[in-house]
Amino acid sequence: MEQLQQEIETLRSNLTGNMFDDMETRDRIHNLEMKMNGTKPTDTMIDCVGCGS
């Protein structure tokens, strides 16, 4: 859990403020946060498919 939080903080420090440049980094942050929280879209085995992120 600590390692995931550290990776999220590292990724956040790399954000530029440009939506297009940051899109891949924000997606990675989102996926790590979902992993930390144990969340995923209802009735799916694959994380983040169809959630709109």
C-alpha atoms as a PDB file:
ATOM      1  CA  MET A   1       0.000   0.000   0.000  1.00  0.00           C
ATOM      2  CA  GLU A   2       2.839   2.356   0.904  1.00  0.00           C
ATOM      3  CA  GLN A   3       4.550   1.608  -2.414  1.00  0.00           C
ATOM      4  CA  LEU A   4       1.382   2.467  -4.363  1.00  0.00           C
ATOM      5  CA  GLN A   5       1.014   5.755  -2.488  1.00  0.00           C
ATOM      6  CA  GLN A   6       4.644   6.613  -3.202  1.00  0.00           C
ATOM      7  CA  GLU A   7       4.184   5.890  -6.908  1.00  0.00           C
ATOM      8  CA  ILE A   8       1.062   8.096  -6.990  1.00  0.00           C
ATOM      9  CA  GLU A   9       2.950  10.972  -5.349  1.00  0.00           C
ATOM     10  CA  THR A  10       5.813  10.589  -7.823  1.00  0.00           C
ATOM     11  CA  LEU A  11       3.394  10.646 -10.747  1.00  0.00           C
ATOM     12  CA  ARG A  12       1.593  13.707  -9.345  1.00  0.00           C
ATOM     13  CA  SER A  13       4.909  15.554  -9.103  1.00  0.00           C
ATOM     14  CA  ASN A  14       5.377  14.951 -12.847  1.00  0.00           C
ATOM     15  CA  LEU A  15       2.089  16.613 -13.858  1.00  0.00           C
ATOM     16  CA  THR A  16       2.579  19.635 -16.109  1.00  0.00           C
ATOM     17  CA  GLY A  17      -0.872  21.214 -15.975  1.00  0.00           C
ATOM     18  CA  ASN A  18      -1.384  20.533 -19.682  1.00  0.00           C
ATOM     19  CA  MET A  19      -4.378  18.214 -20.027  1.00  0.00           C
ATOM     20  CA  PHE A  20      -3.104  16.490 -23.166  1.00  0.00           C
ATOM     21  CA  ASP A  21       0.425  15.991 -21.867  1.00  0.00           C
ATOM     22  CA  ASP A  22      -0.854  14.741 -18.504  1.00  0.00           C
ATOM     23  CA  MET A  23      -3.524  12.364 -19.828  1.00  0.00           C
ATOM     24  CA  GLU A  24      -1.425   9.194 -19.611  1.00  0.00           C
ATOM     25  CA  THR A  25      -0.041  10.128 -16.175  1.00  0.00           C
ATOM     26  CA  ARG A  26      -3.512  10.910 -14.818  1.00  0.00           C
ATOM     27  CA  ASP A  27      -4.787   7.586 -16.160  1.00  0.00           C
ATOM     28  CA  ARG A  28      -1.983   5.762 -14.347  1.00  0.00           C
ATOM     29  CA  ILE A  29      -2.751   7.680 -11.122  1.00  0.00           C
ATOM     30  CA  HIS A  30      -6.437   6.790 -11.469  1.00  0.00           C
ATOM     31  CA  ASN A  31      -5.643   3.098 -11.964  1.00  0.00           C
ATOM     32  CA  LEU A  32      -3.326   3.045  -8.938  1.00  0.00           C
ATOM     33  CA  GLU A  33      -5.947   4.769  -6.770  1.00  0.00           C
ATOM     34  CA  MET A  34      -8.555   2.234  -7.865  1.00  0.00           C
ATOM     35  CA  LYS A  35      -6.137  -0.551  -6.977  1.00  0.00           C
ATOM     36  CA  MET A  36      -5.501   0.986  -3.552  1.00  0.00           C
ATOM     37  CA  ASN A  37      -9.207   1.420  -2.866  1.00  0.00           C
ATOM     38  CA  GLY A  38     -10.163  -1.978  -4.268  1.00  0.00           C
ATOM     39  CA  THR A  39     -12.690  -0.428  -6.654  1.00  0.00           C
ATOM     40  CA  LYS A  40     -13.618  -1.274 -10.215  1.00  0.00           C
ATOM     41  CA  PRO A  41     -16.703  -0.941 -12.394  1.00  0.00           C
ATOM     42  CA  THR A  42     -19.637  -3.101 -11.339  1.00  0.00           C
ATOM     43  CA  ASP A  43     -19.802  -6.605 -12.831  1.00  0.00           C
ATOM     44  CA  THR A  44     -16.427  -6.484 -14.554  1.00  0.00           C
ATOM     45  CA  MET A  45     -13.210  -8.356 -13.960  1.00  0.00           C
ATOM     46  CA  ILE A  46     -11.167  -5.756 -15.848  1.00  0.00           C
ATOM     47  CA  ASP A  47     -10.416  -2.512 -14.013  1.00  0.00           C
ATOM     48  CA  CYS A  48     -11.559   0.759 -15.534  1.00  0.00           C
ATOM     49  CA  VAL A  49     -13.303  -0.529 -18.654  1.00  0.00           C
ATOM     50  CA  GLY A  50     -16.411   1.496 -19.316  1.00  0.00           C
ATOM     51  CA  CYS A  51     -15.998   3.834 -16.345  1.00  0.00           C
ATOM     52  CA  GLY A  52     -15.336   6.828 -18.574  1.00  0.00           C
ATOM     53  CA  SER A  53     -11.818   7.493 -17.318  1.00  0.00           C
END
